[in-house]
Amino acid sequence: MRIKNQRCKRVPVNRGTTILYGKPFAYVVRSVVRDERCDHCLRSGKLSKCSGCQYVYYCDRNCQKESWPTHKAECARLKKVLPRVLPDAARLMARIILKLNQGGADEVGYYTENNSRKFKDLMSHYSDIKVDAKRMEHFTTLCGVLFQFLDETHLPNIAELMGIYGRMCTNSFNILDLDMNTIGVGIYLGASVIDHSCKPNAVVVFEGTTVIVRTLMDLPSLDWSQIRISYIDLLSSNNNRREELRSSYYFWCDCERCKKEEPMAEAAACPNSSCDSPCSIEADECEKCGEKMSVEFKETFREVVDFTIHHLEKMKTMAYLDVSKICLKKQKGVMYKFNIQHVRTLEMAHIAAMNLKCWEDAEFYGKELMPGYLLYYGEIHPLTGLLYLTTGKIQLHLGKPKEALRALNKANTVLMITHGDKHSLVKEELRPLLYQAVMESNSGIHSA
């Protein structure tokens, strides 16, 4: 773990500064991508299966060799459970237990030159989990799996097991690939010190298994008690964010964003098509233009909301373009343009269009999605930067180099802050696309 800007706490910190990066205490690749990602470095590409367990995959012998100190204790056990797939939480918990048994309790993760954390320093929320029926059911199921997977000699008592489980649940980070898809989950000792805000001043990105924390805004100094990241997806209403944080992390968020009213997140469109104001479905008329909100309109709005929520839930694992288009058609003139369910539907349409290589649709829905991303994620956020990047890439494919160059320049502005010029997303993805857009734009000018 290495930390920057620690010697003089009063020195201002510019946005886009890496303030912490480090390796995981323990991590696992997600089981759904275990045959697509190296179990050690998480890269994709040509992989070879471990000859011992026939369960995990590696890039090459080097990755297999580096992984062996961790994998050797589980290799034979993974072979024993085949053809069953071990749940991610069970495998991570087993790795934590095995590591603690091998002296891992003394491992430290620094977040300043003089301040560090050990695994035992992470909050376990023991008392909260004991009265959380859903978590206790999950814990009991995991224990059943662990009793089969590990020898009794490796397992601590139930109280210690629950402490490990609590630390894992409330301190783990989803490990993301370049497209911000979750490909693994890990425990990062130093980074676990950072608190949450729905209006964060820092962001977590990954380079392989390495966690990187970067500032999103200028700070008067590096005061770790004031550094905030988001634990959850910010494209959600105040009530839903607060409920997710309370059920997952056992606190009620009282950040600046949560305390503000958000009239657009669950709003209806004004029944007057020439008015662009969000309307509360509980009101009798539009506050701006005075248009009446009929009983029929309110019923239609509630039906569309239920229809949208139902289909968004079904599309959590796979986005469908035709379903997204049906939802968007029903929402037209009924849901406000910044209603979160509408923005989510645009997101599904964009993803589905890209998966199907329907590039005109993908460009259209990407452009439609951008205002919602700017509102809910903000101008400087990895997902905003990635949307600009994706839009530029699609426009290059469609033979629109000048439009692509504008989008890619915006992506560059964002990603240089969230990721930095040394990150592979910038070096290997963005820069070649920018170069291509410049060359094609110039050749278009010359030929004209």
Protein backbone atom coordinates (compact mmCIF):
# COMPACT_ATOMS: atom_id res chain seq x y z
CA MET A 1 0.00 0.00 0.00
CA ARG A 2 1.37 3.39 -0.98
CA ILE A 3 0.01 6.78 -0.03
CA LYS A 4 0.60 10.19 -1.48
CA ASN A 5 0.52 13.75 -0.17
CA GLN A 6 0.87 12.75 3.46
CA ARG A 7 3.91 14.66 4.69
CA CYS A 8 2.23 18.05 4.90
CA LYS A 9 -1.46 17.77 5.70
CA ARG A 10 -2.03 21.51 5.12
CA VAL A 11 -0.94 21.33 1.48
CA PRO A 12 -3.93 21.74 -0.87
CA VAL A 13 -4.85 18.65 -2.88
CA ASN A 14 -5.90 19.15 -6.49
CA ARG A 15 -8.74 17.15 -7.98
CA GLY A 16 -7.50 14.15 -9.91
CA THR A 17 -4.85 13.34 -7.29
CA THR A 18 -4.22 9.70 -6.35
CA ILE A 19 -4.38 9.69 -2.56
CA LEU A 20 -4.24 5.94 -1.96
CA TYR A 21 -3.65 2.71 -3.80
CA GLY A 22 -3.15 -0.79 -2.53
CA LYS A 23 -3.44 -4.52 -2.99
CA PRO A 24 -6.26 -6.61 -1.52
CA PHE A 25 -6.04 -8.44 1.79
CA ALA A 26 -8.18 -11.14 0.17
CA TYR A 27 -10.22 -11.30 -3.03
CA VAL A 28 -12.01 -13.64 -5.42
CA VAL A 29 -13.05 -13.47 -9.05
CA ARG A 30 -16.83 -13.63 -9.53
CA SER A 31 -17.88 -17.22 -10.23
CA VAL A 32 -19.97 -16.14 -13.25
CA VAL A 33 -16.80 -14.93 -15.01
CA ARG A 34 -14.29 -17.43 -13.56
CA ASP A 35 -13.69 -18.99 -17.01
CA GLU A 36 -13.28 -15.51 -18.60
CA ARG A 37 -10.96 -13.89 -16.04
CA CYS A 38 -7.59 -14.90 -14.64
CA ASP A 39 -8.04 -15.94 -11.01
CA HIS A 40 -4.89 -14.02 -10.09
CA CYS A 41 -4.75 -10.77 -12.09
CA LEU A 42 -8.42 -10.71 -13.27
CA ARG A 43 -7.42 -10.00 -16.87
CA SER A 44 -9.38 -11.54 -19.72
CA GLY A 45 -7.88 -13.26 -22.75
CA LYS A 46 -6.58 -16.73 -23.52
CA LEU A 47 -6.72 -18.63 -20.24
CA SER A 48 -5.63 -22.07 -19.04
CA LYS A 49 -7.47 -24.13 -16.45
CA CYS A 50 -5.73 -25.12 -13.22
CA SER A 51 -4.84 -28.80 -13.69
CA GLY A 52 -5.28 -29.42 -9.97
CA CYS A 53 -8.80 -28.18 -9.23
CA GLN A 54 -10.15 -27.80 -12.79
CA TYR A 55 -12.04 -24.83 -11.32
CA VAL A 56 -9.97 -21.64 -11.75
CA TYR A 57 -8.20 -20.22 -14.81
CA TYR A 58 -4.91 -18.36 -15.28
CA CYS A 59 -3.26 -16.21 -17.95
CA ASP A 60 -0.01 -18.16 -17.77
CA ARG A 61 2.35 -20.02 -15.47
CA ASN A 62 3.54 -16.77 -13.93
CA CYS A 63 0.04 -15.88 -12.68
CA GLN A 64 -0.46 -19.45 -11.49
CA LYS A 65 2.84 -19.36 -9.60
CA GLU A 66 2.09 -16.00 -7.97
CA SER A 67 -1.38 -17.21 -6.99
CA TRP A 68 -0.21 -20.52 -5.53
CA PRO A 69 0.47 -19.30 -1.93
CA THR A 70 -3.23 -18.35 -1.77
CA HIS A 71 -4.66 -21.07 -4.00
CA LYS A 72 -2.82 -24.11 -2.65
CA ALA A 73 -5.00 -24.31 0.48
CA GLU A 74 -8.21 -24.31 -1.57
CA CYS A 75 -7.15 -26.18 -4.75
CA ALA A 76 -8.04 -29.72 -3.65
CA ARG A 77 -11.15 -28.48 -1.86
CA LEU A 78 -12.44 -26.74 -5.02
CA LYS A 79 -11.95 -29.98 -6.97
CA LYS A 80 -13.96 -31.80 -4.30
CA VAL A 81 -17.02 -29.52 -4.72
CA LEU A 82 -17.14 -29.86 -8.54
CA PRO A 83 -19.42 -29.73 -10.48
CA ARG A 84 -20.98 -27.38 -7.92
CA VAL A 85 -19.90 -23.74 -8.06
CA LEU A 86 -18.83 -22.30 -4.72
CA PRO A 87 -20.75 -19.09 -3.87
CA ASP A 88 -18.52 -16.00 -4.11
CA ALA A 89 -19.15 -15.04 -0.49
CA ALA A 90 -18.23 -18.54 0.72
CA ARG A 91 -15.00 -18.58 -1.29
CA LEU A 92 -13.97 -15.12 -0.08
CA MET A 93 -14.79 -16.00 3.52
CA ALA A 94 -12.80 -19.23 3.21
CA ARG A 95 -9.81 -17.30 1.83
CA ILE A 96 -10.03 -14.84 4.73
CA ILE A 97 -10.18 -17.68 7.29
CA LEU A 98 -7.25 -19.51 5.69
CA LYS A 99 -5.21 -16.30 5.54
CA LEU A 100 -5.91 -15.45 9.19
CA ASN A 101 -4.80 -18.98 10.15
CA GLN A 102 -1.53 -18.39 8.29
CA GLY A 103 -0.62 -15.20 10.16
CA GLY A 104 -2.68 -12.76 8.06
CA ALA A 105 -4.06 -11.17 11.22
CA ASP A 106 -0.79 -9.23 11.45
CA GLU A 107 -0.97 -7.85 7.90
CA VAL A 108 -1.42 -4.07 7.79
CA GLY A 109 -2.89 -1.76 5.18
CA TYR A 110 -1.63 1.82 5.38
CA TYR A 111 -3.73 4.86 4.53
CA THR A 112 -1.14 7.38 5.74
CA GLU A 113 2.57 7.00 6.37
CA ASN A 114 1.85 6.35 10.05
CA ASN A 115 -1.72 5.08 10.13
CA SER A 116 -2.79 1.57 9.18
CA ARG A 117 -5.46 -1.02 9.75
CA LYS A 118 -5.47 -4.74 10.38
CA PHE A 119 -8.38 -7.05 9.60
CA LYS A 120 -9.52 -6.98 13.23
CA ASP A 121 -9.79 -3.16 13.04
CA LEU A 122 -12.59 -3.36 10.48
CA MET A 123 -16.08 -2.89 11.89
CA SER A 124 -17.95 -6.20 12.19
CA HIS A 125 -21.43 -4.81 13.01
CA TYR A 126 -21.82 -7.95 15.11
CA SER A 127 -24.83 -6.71 17.08
CA ASP A 128 -26.57 -5.38 13.94
CA ILE A 129 -26.11 -8.65 12.05
CA LYS A 130 -27.40 -10.73 14.98
CA VAL A 131 -30.82 -9.01 14.68
CA ASP A 132 -30.82 -8.88 10.87
CA ALA A 133 -32.93 -11.88 9.79
CA LYS A 134 -31.84 -11.72 6.15
CA ARG A 135 -28.12 -11.54 6.99
CA MET A 136 -28.43 -14.28 9.62
CA GLU A 137 -30.10 -16.56 7.09
CA HIS A 138 -27.24 -15.86 4.65
CA PHE A 139 -24.64 -16.43 7.39
CA THR A 140 -26.21 -19.77 8.36
CA THR A 141 -26.19 -20.89 4.71
CA LEU A 142 -22.54 -19.85 4.33
CA CYS A 143 -21.58 -21.73 7.48
CA GLY A 144 -23.13 -24.88 6.02
CA VAL A 145 -21.01 -24.48 2.88
CA LEU A 146 -17.86 -23.67 4.86
CA PHE A 147 -18.25 -26.71 7.14
CA GLN A 148 -18.19 -28.87 3.98
CA PHE A 149 -15.42 -26.90 2.26
CA LEU A 150 -12.94 -26.45 5.12
CA ASP A 151 -11.73 -28.88 7.77
CA GLU A 152 -13.03 -28.26 11.28
CA THR A 153 -9.45 -27.50 12.35
CA HIS A 154 -9.48 -24.41 10.10
CA LEU A 155 -12.79 -23.03 11.35
CA PRO A 156 -12.99 -20.60 14.28
CA ASN A 157 -15.91 -20.65 16.70
CA ILE A 158 -19.32 -19.28 15.65
CA ALA A 159 -18.81 -15.88 17.31
CA GLU A 160 -15.50 -15.37 15.49
CA LEU A 161 -17.04 -16.64 12.26
CA MET A 162 -19.82 -14.07 12.56
CA GLY A 163 -17.24 -11.34 13.20
CA ILE A 164 -15.39 -12.35 10.02
CA TYR A 165 -18.69 -12.47 8.10
CA GLY A 166 -19.68 -9.00 9.32
CA ARG A 167 -16.32 -7.50 8.39
CA MET A 168 -16.54 -9.08 4.95
CA CYS A 169 -20.12 -7.89 4.28
CA THR A 170 -19.66 -4.28 5.36
CA ASN A 171 -16.08 -3.65 4.19
CA SER A 172 -15.74 -5.45 0.87
CA PHE A 173 -15.28 -3.61 -2.42
CA ASN A 174 -16.65 -4.75 -5.75
CA ILE A 175 -13.64 -5.01 -8.07
CA LEU A 176 -14.51 -3.38 -11.40
CA ASP A 177 -13.13 -3.80 -14.91
CA LEU A 178 -12.47 -0.94 -17.34
CA ASP A 179 -16.19 -0.78 -18.22
CA MET A 180 -17.13 -0.57 -14.53
CA ASN A 181 -18.56 -4.11 -14.51
CA THR A 182 -18.09 -6.12 -11.31
CA ILE A 183 -15.61 -8.94 -11.93
CA GLY A 184 -14.54 -9.67 -8.36
CA VAL A 185 -14.88 -8.75 -4.73
CA GLY A 186 -12.13 -8.00 -2.23
CA ILE A 187 -11.15 -6.66 1.19
CA TYR A 188 -8.82 -3.63 1.13
CA LEU A 189 -7.59 -2.76 4.62
CA GLY A 190 -6.40 0.83 4.03
CA ALA A 191 -9.26 1.90 1.77
CA SER A 192 -11.84 0.54 4.24
CA VAL A 193 -11.21 3.57 6.46
CA ILE A 194 -13.06 5.86 4.00
CA ASP A 195 -16.63 6.85 4.85
CA HIS A 196 -19.60 7.25 2.52
CA SER A 197 -21.37 10.23 0.98
CA CYS A 198 -23.96 10.40 -1.81
CA LYS A 199 -22.04 13.49 -2.90
CA PRO A 200 -18.49 12.08 -2.71
CA ASN A 201 -15.25 14.05 -3.02
CA ALA A 202 -13.25 10.97 -4.04
CA VAL A 203 -13.74 7.93 -6.25
CA VAL A 204 -12.52 4.33 -6.25
CA VAL A 205 -11.30 2.79 -9.52
CA PHE A 206 -9.31 -0.38 -10.17
CA GLU A 207 -6.30 -1.44 -12.21
CA GLY A 208 -6.56 -5.21 -12.09
CA THR A 209 -6.80 -6.03 -8.38
CA THR A 210 -5.18 -2.74 -7.30
CA VAL A 211 -7.56 -0.26 -5.69
CA ILE A 212 -6.97 3.41 -6.55
CA VAL A 213 -8.60 6.31 -4.70
CA ARG A 214 -8.59 9.68 -6.49
CA THR A 215 -9.98 13.08 -5.55
CA LEU A 216 -12.93 14.43 -7.53
CA MET A 217 -12.55 18.03 -6.37
CA ASP A 218 -9.92 20.41 -5.03
CA LEU A 219 -9.42 19.96 -1.28
CA PRO A 220 -7.84 22.43 1.16
CA SER A 221 -5.79 19.55 2.62
CA LEU A 222 -5.75 15.77 2.83
CA ASP A 223 -7.87 15.17 5.93
CA TRP A 224 -8.91 11.50 5.92
CA SER A 225 -11.83 12.21 8.25
CA GLN A 226 -13.30 14.32 5.42
CA ILE A 227 -12.63 11.99 2.47
CA ARG A 228 -15.85 10.42 1.14
CA ILE A 229 -16.57 7.82 -1.53
CA SER A 230 -19.93 6.34 -2.52
CA TYR A 231 -20.65 2.83 -1.29
CA ILE A 232 -23.63 2.43 -3.64
CA ASP A 233 -24.91 3.35 -7.10
CA LEU A 234 -25.88 7.04 -7.08
CA LEU A 235 -28.55 6.65 -9.77
CA SER A 236 -31.24 6.16 -7.15
CA SER A 237 -33.73 8.23 -5.16
CA ASN A 238 -32.96 9.58 -1.67
CA ASN A 239 -35.28 7.05 -0.04
CA ASN A 240 -33.87 4.09 -1.97
CA ARG A 241 -30.25 5.11 -1.34
CA ARG A 242 -30.88 5.57 2.36
CA GLU A 243 -32.69 2.24 2.61
CA GLU A 244 -29.90 0.41 0.77
CA LEU A 245 -27.25 1.97 3.02
CA ARG A 246 -29.21 1.13 6.15
CA SER A 247 -29.84 -2.50 5.14
CA SER A 248 -26.29 -3.12 3.84
CA TYR A 249 -24.12 -0.91 6.08
CA TYR A 250 -26.33 -0.16 9.11
CA PHE A 251 -26.38 3.64 9.01
CA TRP A 252 -28.88 6.29 7.96
CA CYS A 253 -27.27 8.65 5.46
CA ASP A 254 -27.46 12.30 6.43
CA CYS A 255 -25.23 13.70 3.69
CA GLU A 256 -25.83 16.97 1.89
CA ARG A 257 -27.56 15.29 -1.05
CA CYS A 258 -29.87 13.13 1.08
CA LYS A 259 -31.06 16.17 3.07
CA LYS A 260 -32.10 18.02 -0.09
CA GLU A 261 -35.47 17.51 -1.73
CA GLU A 262 -35.32 15.94 -5.17
CA PRO A 263 -38.50 16.87 -7.08
CA MET A 264 -37.44 15.09 -10.28
CA ALA A 265 -36.39 11.60 -9.14
CA GLU A 266 -39.91 10.13 -9.02
CA ALA A 267 -41.74 12.86 -10.96
CA ALA A 268 -44.45 12.69 -13.57
CA ALA A 269 -44.32 14.75 -16.75
CA CYS A 270 -46.69 17.71 -16.83
CA PRO A 271 -49.92 16.70 -18.66
CA ASN A 272 -49.48 19.95 -20.60
CA SER A 273 -47.02 18.86 -23.32
CA SER A 274 -45.72 22.41 -23.77
CA CYS A 275 -44.66 22.60 -20.08
CA ASP A 276 -41.29 21.10 -19.11
CA SER A 277 -41.81 21.07 -15.35
CA PRO A 278 -41.66 17.95 -13.12
CA CYS A 279 -44.92 17.21 -11.31
CA SER A 280 -45.56 15.38 -8.08
CA ILE A 281 -48.14 12.65 -8.64
CA GLU A 282 -49.64 13.57 -5.27
CA ALA A 283 -50.40 17.16 -6.43
CA ASP A 284 -53.64 18.20 -8.09
CA GLU A 285 -52.01 20.52 -10.60
CA CYS A 286 -48.66 21.52 -12.07
CA GLU A 287 -46.94 24.10 -9.87
CA LYS A 288 -45.56 25.91 -12.92
CA CYS A 289 -48.41 26.08 -15.42
CA GLY A 290 -51.45 25.11 -13.34
CA GLU A 291 -52.44 22.17 -15.58
CA LYS A 292 -54.81 19.81 -13.72
CA MET A 293 -53.57 16.32 -12.83
CA SER A 294 -56.60 14.15 -13.63
CA VAL A 295 -57.40 10.91 -11.82
CA GLU A 296 -56.92 9.07 -15.13
CA PHE A 297 -53.46 10.58 -15.64
CA LYS A 298 -52.43 9.60 -12.10
CA GLU A 299 -53.64 6.03 -12.65
CA THR A 300 -51.75 5.83 -15.94
CA PHE A 301 -48.58 7.15 -14.28
CA ARG A 302 -48.76 4.53 -11.50
CA GLU A 303 -49.37 1.76 -14.05
CA VAL A 304 -46.36 2.88 -16.10
CA VAL A 305 -44.18 3.02 -12.97
CA ASP A 306 -45.20 -0.52 -11.97
CA PHE A 307 -44.68 -1.77 -15.54
CA THR A 308 -41.22 -0.15 -15.71
CA ILE A 309 -40.08 -1.42 -12.31
CA HIS A 310 -41.20 -4.95 -13.19
CA HIS A 311 -39.27 -5.00 -16.46
CA LEU A 312 -36.17 -3.26 -15.09
CA GLU A 313 -36.02 -5.96 -12.42
CA LYS A 314 -36.24 -8.67 -15.11
CA MET A 315 -33.47 -6.95 -17.09
CA LYS A 316 -30.98 -6.85 -14.20
CA THR A 317 -28.96 -9.68 -15.72
CA MET A 318 -29.70 -9.06 -19.40
CA ALA A 319 -30.85 -5.88 -21.16
CA TYR A 320 -33.41 -6.27 -23.97
CA LEU A 321 -33.80 -3.57 -26.61
CA ASP A 322 -37.38 -4.40 -27.57
CA VAL A 323 -38.55 -4.43 -23.92
CA SER A 324 -36.71 -1.16 -23.23
CA LYS A 325 -38.38 0.46 -26.25
CA ILE A 326 -41.84 -0.67 -25.07
CA CYS A 327 -41.16 0.84 -21.62
CA LEU A 328 -39.91 4.11 -23.15
CA LYS A 329 -42.99 4.33 -25.35
CA LYS A 330 -45.30 3.93 -22.34
CA GLN A 331 -43.26 6.52 -20.38
CA LYS A 332 -43.53 9.20 -23.10
CA GLY A 333 -45.60 12.13 -21.86
CA VAL A 334 -46.20 10.34 -18.54
CA MET A 335 -42.83 10.13 -16.77
CA TYR A 336 -40.63 13.18 -16.33
CA LYS A 337 -37.38 13.10 -18.34
CA PHE A 338 -35.27 12.93 -15.14
CA ASN A 339 -37.44 10.35 -13.40
CA ILE A 340 -34.91 7.73 -12.28
CA GLN A 341 -36.93 4.85 -13.74
CA HIS A 342 -36.88 6.62 -17.12
CA VAL A 343 -33.11 7.20 -16.93
CA ARG A 344 -32.61 3.54 -15.97
CA THR A 345 -34.70 2.46 -18.98
CA LEU A 346 -32.56 4.60 -21.30
CA GLU A 347 -29.52 2.93 -19.77
CA MET A 348 -30.94 -0.54 -20.52
CA ALA A 349 -31.77 0.51 -24.09
CA HIS A 350 -28.22 1.82 -24.57
CA ILE A 351 -26.62 -1.36 -23.21
CA ALA A 352 -28.92 -3.64 -25.22
CA ALA A 353 -28.30 -1.68 -28.45
CA MET A 354 -24.53 -2.00 -27.96
CA ASN A 355 -24.79 -5.73 -27.24
CA LEU A 356 -26.78 -6.16 -30.48
CA LYS A 357 -24.39 -3.85 -32.40
CA CYS A 358 -27.33 -1.61 -33.32
CA TRP A 359 -24.99 1.39 -33.50
CA GLU A 360 -27.53 4.07 -34.52
CA ASP A 361 -29.77 3.09 -31.61
CA ALA A 362 -26.76 2.90 -29.30
CA GLU A 363 -25.68 6.42 -30.25
CA PHE A 364 -29.23 7.78 -29.88
CA TYR A 365 -29.83 6.27 -26.44
CA GLY A 366 -26.32 7.26 -25.28
CA LYS A 367 -27.09 10.90 -26.11
CA GLU A 368 -30.51 10.64 -24.43
CA LEU A 369 -28.91 9.11 -21.34
CA MET A 370 -26.19 11.73 -20.86
CA PRO A 371 -28.33 14.49 -19.20
CA GLY A 372 -29.51 11.96 -16.58
CA TYR A 373 -25.93 10.83 -15.88
CA LEU A 374 -24.78 14.44 -15.55
CA LEU A 375 -27.59 15.12 -13.06
CA TYR A 376 -27.28 12.02 -10.86
CA TYR A 377 -23.60 11.07 -11.18
CA GLY A 378 -22.24 14.55 -11.85
CA GLU A 379 -19.92 15.94 -14.50
CA ILE A 380 -16.85 14.26 -13.00
CA HIS A 381 -17.62 10.57 -12.46
CA PRO A 382 -16.20 7.40 -14.05
CA LEU A 383 -19.58 6.42 -15.52
CA THR A 384 -20.06 9.87 -17.07
CA GLY A 385 -16.57 9.66 -18.58
CA LEU A 386 -17.22 6.13 -19.87
CA LEU A 387 -20.48 7.22 -21.50
CA TYR A 388 -18.64 9.99 -23.36
CA LEU A 389 -15.98 7.45 -24.34
CA THR A 390 -18.53 4.91 -25.57
CA THR A 391 -20.46 7.58 -27.50
CA GLY A 392 -17.26 8.73 -29.22
CA LYS A 393 -16.32 5.15 -30.08
CA ILE A 394 -19.76 4.52 -31.62
CA GLN A 395 -19.61 7.77 -33.59
CA LEU A 396 -16.23 6.78 -35.03
CA HIS A 397 -17.77 3.50 -36.11
CA LEU A 398 -20.65 5.41 -37.74
CA GLY A 399 -18.24 7.64 -39.67
CA LYS A 400 -18.82 10.79 -37.60
CA PRO A 401 -15.24 11.73 -36.61
CA LYS A 402 -15.93 15.37 -35.68
CA GLU A 403 -18.77 14.44 -33.33
CA ALA A 404 -16.63 11.61 -31.99
CA LEU A 405 -13.76 14.00 -31.30
CA ARG A 406 -16.04 16.27 -29.25
CA ALA A 407 -17.30 13.32 -27.19
CA LEU A 408 -13.81 11.87 -26.70
CA ASN A 409 -12.39 15.24 -25.61
CA LYS A 410 -15.13 15.37 -22.97
CA ALA A 411 -14.24 11.81 -21.96
CA ASN A 412 -10.61 12.86 -21.66
CA THR A 413 -11.52 15.78 -19.36
CA VAL A 414 -13.40 13.44 -17.02
CA LEU A 415 -11.20 10.33 -17.11
CA MET A 416 -7.98 12.27 -16.55
CA ILE A 417 -9.48 13.23 -13.18
CA THR A 418 -11.14 9.92 -12.25
CA HIS A 419 -8.47 7.55 -13.63
CA GLY A 420 -5.36 9.58 -14.53
CA ASP A 421 -3.03 9.44 -17.52
CA LYS A 422 -1.28 6.25 -16.37
CA HIS A 423 -4.44 4.13 -16.13
CA SER A 424 -4.86 1.52 -18.86
CA LEU A 425 -8.36 2.85 -19.70
CA VAL A 426 -6.75 6.16 -20.72
CA LYS A 427 -3.56 4.70 -22.25
CA GLU A 428 -5.02 1.73 -24.11
CA GLU A 429 -8.62 2.79 -24.85
CA LEU A 430 -9.05 6.56 -24.86
CA ARG A 431 -5.77 7.76 -26.41
CA PRO A 432 -5.91 5.50 -29.52
CA LEU A 433 -9.54 6.57 -30.11
CA LEU A 434 -8.63 10.25 -29.72
CA TYR A 435 -5.77 9.81 -32.19
CA GLN A 436 -8.09 8.08 -34.65
CA ALA A 437 -10.75 10.81 -34.29
CA VAL A 438 -8.17 13.57 -34.88
CA MET A 439 -6.73 11.83 -37.95
CA GLU A 440 -10.15 11.13 -39.46
CA SER A 441 -11.40 14.65 -38.72
CA ASN A 442 -8.32 16.18 -40.37
CA SER A 443 -8.53 13.91 -43.40
CA GLY A 444 -12.18 14.94 -43.77
CA ILE A 445 -11.22 18.62 -43.70
CA HIS A 446 -8.43 18.12 -46.26
CA SER A 447 -10.61 16.13 -48.63
CA ALA A 448 -13.28 18.84 -48.39
